[in-house]
Amino acid sequence: MEQKAIRTSVDLPRDLHRRLHEAAARKGCSARKLILAGIERAVAEPEPPRPPRRLNLDTPLVPPAGRRITLTNEQAYELAEFP
């Protein structure tokens, strides 16, 4: 093991541990080598692009359907019945 290595432990489910050692045997390498390769792959994955910071509300998310009605607040209050 390298001098600059750090020892760590991880609890694995029995089935995963068994499959890890079977895969290592099929590939002709150690389980440690498979684990390190998997970690290297996970760390090397590019980060997904960041979403835009704010939602753009200039265009409607759902296009309007049907006839457009234009009412002012005053017209709406005249049509509404209040007790």
N, C-alpha and C. Protein backbone atom coordinates (compact mmCIF):
# COMPACT_ATOMS: atom_id res chain seq x y z
N MET A 1 0.84 -1.18 0.00
CA MET A 1 0.00 0.00 0.00
C MET A 1 0.89 1.24 0.00
N GLU A 2 0.43 2.31 -0.65
CA GLU A 2 1.20 3.55 -0.73
C GLU A 2 1.41 4.16 0.65
N GLN A 3 2.47 4.94 0.78
CA GLN A 3 2.74 5.64 2.03
C GLN A 3 1.73 6.76 2.26
N LYS A 4 1.20 7.35 1.19
CA LYS A 4 0.28 8.48 1.32
C LYS A 4 -1.18 8.02 1.27
N ALA A 5 -1.42 6.77 1.58
CA ALA A 5 -2.79 6.24 1.55
C ALA A 5 -3.46 6.45 2.90
N ILE A 6 -4.78 6.52 2.88
CA ILE A 6 -5.57 6.65 4.10
C ILE A 6 -6.47 5.43 4.19
N ARG A 7 -6.43 4.77 5.33
CA ARG A 7 -7.27 3.59 5.52
C ARG A 7 -8.65 4.02 5.97
N THR A 8 -9.66 3.41 5.36
CA THR A 8 -11.04 3.69 5.73
C THR A 8 -11.83 2.39 5.71
N SER A 9 -12.98 2.39 6.32
CA SER A 9 -13.80 1.18 6.30
C SER A 9 -15.22 1.54 5.89
N VAL A 10 -15.85 0.61 5.20
CA VAL A 10 -17.21 0.79 4.72
C VAL A 10 -17.97 -0.51 5.00
N ASP A 11 -19.16 -0.39 5.53
CA ASP A 11 -20.00 -1.57 5.75
C ASP A 11 -20.78 -1.86 4.48
N LEU A 12 -20.60 -3.07 3.94
CA LEU A 12 -21.29 -3.47 2.72
C LEU A 12 -22.32 -4.55 3.04
N PRO A 13 -23.44 -4.54 2.35
CA PRO A 13 -24.36 -5.67 2.49
C PRO A 13 -23.67 -6.96 2.04
N ARG A 14 -24.03 -8.08 2.67
CA ARG A 14 -23.38 -9.36 2.36
C ARG A 14 -23.43 -9.69 0.87
N ASP A 15 -24.60 -9.50 0.26
CA ASP A 15 -24.75 -9.84 -1.15
C ASP A 15 -23.82 -9.00 -2.02
N LEU A 16 -23.72 -7.71 -1.74
CA LEU A 16 -22.83 -6.85 -2.53
C LEU A 16 -21.37 -7.25 -2.32
N HIS A 17 -21.01 -7.60 -1.10
CA HIS A 17 -19.63 -8.03 -0.81
C HIS A 17 -19.29 -9.29 -1.61
N ARG A 18 -20.23 -10.24 -1.64
CA ARG A 18 -20.01 -11.47 -2.38
C ARG A 18 -19.87 -11.18 -3.87
N ARG A 19 -20.78 -10.34 -4.41
CA ARG A 19 -20.71 -10.00 -5.84
C ARG A 19 -19.43 -9.25 -6.18
N LEU A 20 -18.95 -8.41 -5.26
CA LEU A 20 -17.69 -7.69 -5.48
C LEU A 20 -16.54 -8.66 -5.66
N HIS A 21 -16.45 -9.65 -4.76
CA HIS A 21 -15.35 -10.61 -4.85
C HIS A 21 -15.49 -11.52 -6.06
N GLU A 22 -16.72 -11.85 -6.45
CA GLU A 22 -16.93 -12.64 -7.67
C GLU A 22 -16.48 -11.85 -8.90
N ALA A 23 -16.83 -10.57 -8.96
CA ALA A 23 -16.44 -9.74 -10.10
C ALA A 23 -14.93 -9.59 -10.16
N ALA A 24 -14.31 -9.42 -9.01
CA ALA A 24 -12.84 -9.30 -8.96
C ALA A 24 -12.19 -10.59 -9.46
N ALA A 25 -12.73 -11.74 -9.07
CA ALA A 25 -12.17 -13.02 -9.52
C ALA A 25 -12.34 -13.16 -11.03
N ARG A 26 -13.51 -12.77 -11.57
CA ARG A 26 -13.72 -12.85 -13.02
C ARG A 26 -12.74 -11.98 -13.78
N LYS A 27 -12.45 -10.80 -13.23
CA LYS A 27 -11.55 -9.87 -13.91
C LYS A 27 -10.08 -10.14 -13.61
N GLY A 28 -9.84 -11.02 -12.66
CA GLY A 28 -8.45 -11.36 -12.33
C GLY A 28 -7.73 -10.26 -11.57
N CYS A 29 -8.46 -9.55 -10.73
CA CYS A 29 -7.82 -8.50 -9.93
C CYS A 29 -8.37 -8.58 -8.51
N SER A 30 -7.88 -7.72 -7.66
CA SER A 30 -8.35 -7.72 -6.27
C SER A 30 -9.62 -6.88 -6.13
N ALA A 31 -10.35 -7.15 -5.04
CA ALA A 31 -11.54 -6.35 -4.74
C ALA A 31 -11.13 -4.90 -4.50
N ARG A 32 -9.99 -4.69 -3.86
CA ARG A 32 -9.49 -3.33 -3.60
C ARG A 32 -9.33 -2.56 -4.91
N LYS A 33 -8.76 -3.23 -5.92
CA LYS A 33 -8.54 -2.57 -7.20
C LYS A 33 -9.88 -2.19 -7.84
N LEU A 34 -10.89 -3.07 -7.75
CA LEU A 34 -12.21 -2.75 -8.30
C LEU A 34 -12.84 -1.57 -7.56
N ILE A 35 -12.72 -1.56 -6.24
CA ILE A 35 -13.28 -0.47 -5.44
C ILE A 35 -12.63 0.85 -5.81
N LEU A 36 -11.29 0.85 -5.91
CA LEU A 36 -10.58 2.09 -6.27
C LEU A 36 -10.96 2.56 -7.67
N ALA A 37 -11.13 1.64 -8.60
CA ALA A 37 -11.52 2.02 -9.96
C ALA A 37 -12.91 2.65 -9.96
N GLY A 38 -13.83 2.07 -9.17
CA GLY A 38 -15.18 2.63 -9.08
C GLY A 38 -15.18 4.02 -8.47
N ILE A 39 -14.38 4.22 -7.44
CA ILE A 39 -14.30 5.54 -6.81
C ILE A 39 -13.69 6.54 -7.77
N GLU A 40 -12.65 6.13 -8.48
CA GLU A 40 -12.03 7.03 -9.47
C GLU A 40 -13.04 7.45 -10.54
N ARG A 41 -13.84 6.51 -11.02
CA ARG A 41 -14.85 6.82 -12.03
C ARG A 41 -15.89 7.80 -11.48
N ALA A 42 -16.33 7.56 -10.25
CA ALA A 42 -17.35 8.43 -9.66
C ALA A 42 -16.82 9.84 -9.45
N VAL A 43 -15.57 9.96 -9.06
CA VAL A 43 -14.98 11.28 -8.80
C VAL A 43 -14.68 12.00 -10.11
N ALA A 44 -14.37 11.26 -11.16
CA ALA A 44 -13.99 11.88 -12.44
C ALA A 44 -15.20 12.32 -13.26
N GLU A 45 -16.43 11.91 -12.88
CA GLU A 45 -17.62 12.30 -13.64
C GLU A 45 -17.76 13.81 -13.64
N PRO A 46 -18.05 14.38 -14.82
CA PRO A 46 -18.24 15.84 -14.85
C PRO A 46 -19.50 16.22 -14.08
N GLU A 47 -19.44 17.36 -13.46
CA GLU A 47 -20.61 17.83 -12.72
C GLU A 47 -21.70 18.26 -13.70
N PRO A 48 -22.95 18.00 -13.37
CA PRO A 48 -24.03 18.42 -14.27
C PRO A 48 -24.07 19.95 -14.35
N PRO A 49 -24.52 20.48 -15.49
CA PRO A 49 -24.58 21.94 -15.61
C PRO A 49 -25.53 22.53 -14.57
N ARG A 50 -25.16 23.67 -14.06
CA ARG A 50 -25.99 24.34 -13.06
C ARG A 50 -27.23 24.93 -13.72
N PRO A 51 -28.37 24.82 -13.07
CA PRO A 51 -29.58 25.42 -13.64
C PRO A 51 -29.49 26.94 -13.57
N PRO A 52 -30.26 27.63 -14.41
CA PRO A 52 -30.24 29.10 -14.33
C PRO A 52 -30.67 29.54 -12.93
N ARG A 53 -30.15 30.67 -12.52
CA ARG A 53 -30.40 31.13 -11.15
C ARG A 53 -31.84 31.55 -10.91
N ARG A 54 -32.49 32.13 -11.91
CA ARG A 54 -33.86 32.59 -11.72
C ARG A 54 -34.74 32.10 -12.85
N LEU A 55 -35.99 31.89 -12.55
CA LEU A 55 -36.95 31.49 -13.54
C LEU A 55 -37.34 32.70 -14.37
N ASN A 56 -37.30 32.56 -15.68
CA ASN A 56 -37.65 33.65 -16.57
C ASN A 56 -39.16 33.67 -16.75
N LEU A 57 -39.82 34.71 -16.28
CA LEU A 57 -41.27 34.81 -16.38
C LEU A 57 -41.72 35.76 -17.49
N ASP A 58 -40.80 36.14 -18.38
CA ASP A 58 -41.17 37.01 -19.49
C ASP A 58 -42.13 36.30 -20.44
N THR A 59 -41.91 35.03 -20.68
CA THR A 59 -42.83 34.25 -21.50
C THR A 59 -43.60 33.31 -20.58
N PRO A 60 -44.89 33.11 -20.84
CA PRO A 60 -45.68 32.26 -19.95
C PRO A 60 -45.21 30.81 -20.02
N LEU A 61 -45.29 30.12 -18.89
CA LEU A 61 -44.90 28.72 -18.85
C LEU A 61 -45.91 27.86 -19.62
N VAL A 62 -47.18 28.21 -19.51
CA VAL A 62 -48.24 27.51 -20.24
C VAL A 62 -48.91 28.54 -21.14
N PRO A 63 -48.92 28.30 -22.45
CA PRO A 63 -49.54 29.29 -23.33
C PRO A 63 -51.04 29.39 -23.06
N PRO A 64 -51.58 30.61 -23.11
CA PRO A 64 -53.01 30.77 -22.85
C PRO A 64 -53.83 30.11 -23.96
N ALA A 65 -54.98 29.57 -23.57
CA ALA A 65 -55.87 28.93 -24.55
C ALA A 65 -57.19 29.67 -24.56
N GLY A 66 -57.83 29.70 -25.68
CA GLY A 66 -59.14 30.33 -25.78
C GLY A 66 -59.07 31.83 -25.97
N ARG A 67 -60.22 32.47 -25.70
CA ARG A 67 -60.36 33.90 -25.93
C ARG A 67 -59.77 34.69 -24.77
N ARG A 68 -59.08 35.77 -25.06
CA ARG A 68 -58.51 36.62 -24.03
C ARG A 68 -59.56 37.62 -23.56
N ILE A 69 -59.65 37.82 -22.28
CA ILE A 69 -60.59 38.77 -21.71
C ILE A 69 -59.76 39.87 -21.05
N THR A 70 -60.07 41.11 -21.42
CA THR A 70 -59.35 42.24 -20.82
C THR A 70 -60.33 43.02 -19.97
N LEU A 71 -60.11 42.97 -18.67
CA LEU A 71 -60.94 43.72 -17.73
C LEU A 71 -60.03 44.53 -16.83
N THR A 72 -60.48 45.70 -16.50
CA THR A 72 -59.77 46.49 -15.50
C THR A 72 -60.27 46.06 -14.13
N ASN A 73 -59.58 46.43 -13.09
CA ASN A 73 -60.02 46.11 -11.73
C ASN A 73 -61.41 46.68 -11.46
N GLU A 74 -61.64 47.91 -11.92
CA GLU A 74 -62.94 48.54 -11.68
C GLU A 74 -64.06 47.75 -12.35
N GLN A 75 -63.83 47.29 -13.59
CA GLN A 75 -64.85 46.51 -14.29
C GLN A 75 -65.10 45.18 -13.59
N ALA A 76 -64.06 44.56 -13.08
CA ALA A 76 -64.22 43.29 -12.38
C ALA A 76 -65.02 43.49 -11.10
N TYR A 77 -64.77 44.59 -10.35
CA TYR A 77 -65.52 44.87 -9.12
C TYR A 77 -67.00 45.14 -9.43
N GLU A 78 -67.29 45.79 -10.56
CA GLU A 78 -68.68 46.04 -10.93
C GLU A 78 -69.41 44.74 -11.24
N LEU A 79 -68.74 43.77 -11.83
CA LEU A 79 -69.37 42.49 -12.20
C LEU A 79 -69.52 41.56 -11.00
N ALA A 80 -68.65 41.67 -10.03
CA ALA A 80 -68.68 40.76 -8.88
C ALA A 80 -69.76 41.19 -7.90
N GLU A 81 -70.44 40.21 -7.33
CA GLU A 81 -71.47 40.50 -6.35
C GLU A 81 -70.88 40.30 -4.96
N PHE A 82 -70.88 41.34 -4.17
CA PHE A 82 -70.40 41.27 -2.80
C PHE A 82 -71.57 41.39 -1.85
N PRO A 83 -71.59 40.68 -0.72
CA PRO A 83 -72.72 40.76 0.22
C PRO A 83 -72.80 42.10 0.92
